[in-house]
């Protein structure tokens, strides 16, 4: 069965908010020092490779 217009709109809205949250979280993680990142199993280079923008504008 095809998705309704409202379901598609909600899915797109949730996806956009998730991308925005991911960008915010990446920025917050980049503000931490290297020792804290290492304790979480992350590296600064790994975080920098994550997409920084998803907008076409």
N, C-alpha and C. Protein backbone atom coordinates (compact mmCIF):
# COMPACT_ATOMS: atom_id res chain seq x y z
N UNK A 1 0.84 -1.17 0.00
CA UNK A 1 0.00 0.00 0.00
C UNK A 1 0.88 1.24 0.00
N UNK A 2 0.51 2.23 -0.77
CA UNK A 2 1.27 3.46 -0.88
C UNK A 2 1.12 4.29 0.40
N UNK A 3 2.18 5.01 0.74
CA UNK A 3 2.13 5.87 1.91
C UNK A 3 1.23 7.07 1.63
N UNK A 4 0.57 7.53 2.66
CA UNK A 4 -0.27 8.72 2.51
C UNK A 4 0.62 9.96 2.46
N UNK A 5 0.04 11.04 2.01
CA UNK A 5 0.76 12.30 1.93
C UNK A 5 1.27 12.72 3.31
N UNK A 6 0.42 12.60 4.33
CA UNK A 6 0.82 13.01 5.68
C UNK A 6 1.94 12.12 6.22
N UNK A 7 1.90 10.84 5.94
CA UNK A 7 2.95 9.93 6.42
C UNK A 7 4.28 10.28 5.76
N UNK A 8 4.25 10.56 4.46
CA UNK A 8 5.47 10.94 3.75
C UNK A 8 6.02 12.26 4.29
N UNK A 9 5.13 13.22 4.54
CA UNK A 9 5.55 14.51 5.08
C UNK A 9 6.18 14.33 6.46
N UNK A 10 5.57 13.51 7.30
CA UNK A 10 6.11 13.27 8.64
C UNK A 10 7.46 12.57 8.55
N UNK A 11 7.60 11.59 7.70
CA UNK A 11 8.88 10.90 7.53
C UNK A 11 9.97 11.86 7.09
N UNK A 12 9.65 12.75 6.15
CA UNK A 12 10.63 13.74 5.68
C UNK A 12 11.00 14.72 6.78
N UNK A 13 10.02 15.12 7.58
CA UNK A 13 10.27 16.03 8.69
C UNK A 13 11.19 15.38 9.72
N UNK A 14 10.91 14.15 10.08
CA UNK A 14 11.72 13.43 11.06
C UNK A 14 13.15 13.25 10.55
N UNK A 15 13.28 12.91 9.28
CA UNK A 15 14.62 12.73 8.70
C UNK A 15 15.41 14.04 8.72
N UNK A 16 14.77 15.15 8.41
CA UNK A 16 15.45 16.45 8.42
C UNK A 16 15.87 16.82 9.84
N UNK A 17 15.02 16.57 10.82
CA UNK A 17 15.36 16.87 12.21
C UNK A 17 16.50 15.98 12.69
N UNK A 18 16.53 14.74 12.24
CA UNK A 18 17.60 13.83 12.62
C UNK A 18 18.94 14.30 12.05
N UNK A 19 18.93 14.75 10.80
CA UNK A 19 20.17 15.27 10.21
C UNK A 19 20.65 16.49 10.98
N UNK A 20 19.71 17.37 11.36
CA UNK A 20 20.07 18.58 12.11
C UNK A 20 20.67 18.19 13.47
N UNK A 21 20.08 17.20 14.13
CA UNK A 21 20.58 16.75 15.42
C UNK A 21 21.97 16.14 15.28
N UNK A 22 22.20 15.38 14.21
CA UNK A 22 23.51 14.79 13.97
C UNK A 22 24.57 15.88 13.78
N UNK A 23 24.23 16.93 13.05
CA UNK A 23 25.17 18.03 12.84
C UNK A 23 25.48 18.73 14.16
N UNK A 24 24.47 18.93 14.98
CA UNK A 24 24.66 19.58 16.28
C UNK A 24 25.55 18.72 17.17
N UNK A 25 25.27 17.42 17.21
CA UNK A 25 26.05 16.52 18.05
C UNK A 25 27.51 16.45 17.59
N UNK A 26 27.73 16.42 16.29
CA UNK A 26 29.10 16.39 15.78
C UNK A 26 29.85 17.66 16.18
N UNK A 27 29.18 18.79 16.07
CA UNK A 27 29.81 20.05 16.49
C UNK A 27 30.14 20.06 17.97
N UNK A 28 29.24 19.54 18.78
CA UNK A 28 29.49 19.47 20.23
C UNK A 28 30.64 18.53 20.54
N UNK A 29 30.70 17.40 19.85
CA UNK A 29 31.80 16.46 20.08
C UNK A 29 33.14 17.05 19.66
N UNK A 30 33.15 17.84 18.59
CA UNK A 30 34.40 18.45 18.15
C UNK A 30 34.92 19.48 19.14
N UNK A 31 34.06 19.97 20.02
CA UNK A 31 34.51 20.95 21.01
C UNK A 31 35.20 20.27 22.21
N UNK A 32 35.12 18.94 22.29
CA UNK A 32 35.77 18.22 23.38
C UNK A 32 37.26 18.04 23.10
N UNK A 33 38.02 17.79 24.15
CA UNK A 33 39.45 17.57 23.97
C UNK A 33 39.69 16.14 23.45
N UNK A 34 40.90 15.91 22.94
CA UNK A 34 41.25 14.62 22.33
C UNK A 34 41.16 13.46 23.32
N UNK A 35 41.49 13.69 24.57
CA UNK A 35 41.44 12.62 25.57
C UNK A 35 39.99 12.16 25.79
N UNK A 36 39.08 13.10 25.84
CA UNK A 36 37.66 12.75 26.02
C UNK A 36 37.14 11.99 24.81
N UNK A 37 37.52 12.44 23.62
CA UNK A 37 37.09 11.74 22.40
C UNK A 37 37.64 10.32 22.37
N UNK A 38 38.90 10.17 22.76
CA UNK A 38 39.52 8.84 22.77
C UNK A 38 38.80 7.92 23.75
N UNK A 39 38.38 8.46 24.89
CA UNK A 39 37.66 7.66 25.89
C UNK A 39 36.32 7.16 25.33
N UNK A 40 35.75 7.90 24.39
CA UNK A 40 34.49 7.50 23.76
C UNK A 40 34.71 6.65 22.52
N UNK A 41 35.97 6.43 22.15
CA UNK A 41 36.27 5.62 20.97
C UNK A 41 36.16 6.39 19.67
N UNK A 42 36.31 7.71 19.74
CA UNK A 42 36.23 8.55 18.55
C UNK A 42 37.54 9.28 18.33
N UNK A 43 37.76 9.72 17.10
CA UNK A 43 38.90 10.57 16.80
C UNK A 43 38.40 11.84 16.14
N UNK A 44 39.19 12.87 16.26
CA UNK A 44 38.82 14.16 15.66
C UNK A 44 38.72 14.05 14.13
N UNK A 45 39.62 13.28 13.53
CA UNK A 45 39.58 13.09 12.07
C UNK A 45 38.30 12.38 11.65
N UNK A 46 37.90 11.39 12.43
CA UNK A 46 36.67 10.65 12.15
C UNK A 46 35.46 11.59 12.18
N UNK A 47 35.43 12.48 13.16
CA UNK A 47 34.31 13.43 13.27
C UNK A 47 34.33 14.44 12.12
N UNK A 48 35.52 14.85 11.72
CA UNK A 48 35.62 15.83 10.63
C UNK A 48 35.17 15.25 9.29
N UNK A 49 35.28 13.92 9.14
CA UNK A 49 34.85 13.29 7.89
C UNK A 49 33.34 13.19 7.78
N UNK A 50 32.65 13.32 8.90
CA UNK A 50 31.18 13.29 8.85
C UNK A 50 30.70 14.50 8.06
N UNK A 51 29.60 14.35 7.35
CA UNK A 51 29.09 15.48 6.57
C UNK A 51 28.80 16.69 7.45
N UNK A 52 29.20 17.84 6.98
CA UNK A 52 28.97 19.05 7.76
C UNK A 52 27.70 19.78 7.33
N UNK A 53 27.28 19.57 6.11
CA UNK A 53 26.05 20.21 5.61
C UNK A 53 25.33 19.25 4.69
N UNK A 54 24.00 19.30 4.74
CA UNK A 54 23.18 18.47 3.85
C UNK A 54 22.28 19.34 2.98
N UNK A 55 22.48 20.64 3.05
CA UNK A 55 21.57 21.55 2.37
C UNK A 55 22.07 21.87 0.96
N UNK A 56 21.14 22.04 0.06
CA UNK A 56 21.48 22.44 -1.30
C UNK A 56 21.58 23.95 -1.43
N UNK A 57 21.08 24.64 -0.46
CA UNK A 57 21.06 26.12 -0.49
C UNK A 57 22.32 26.67 0.12
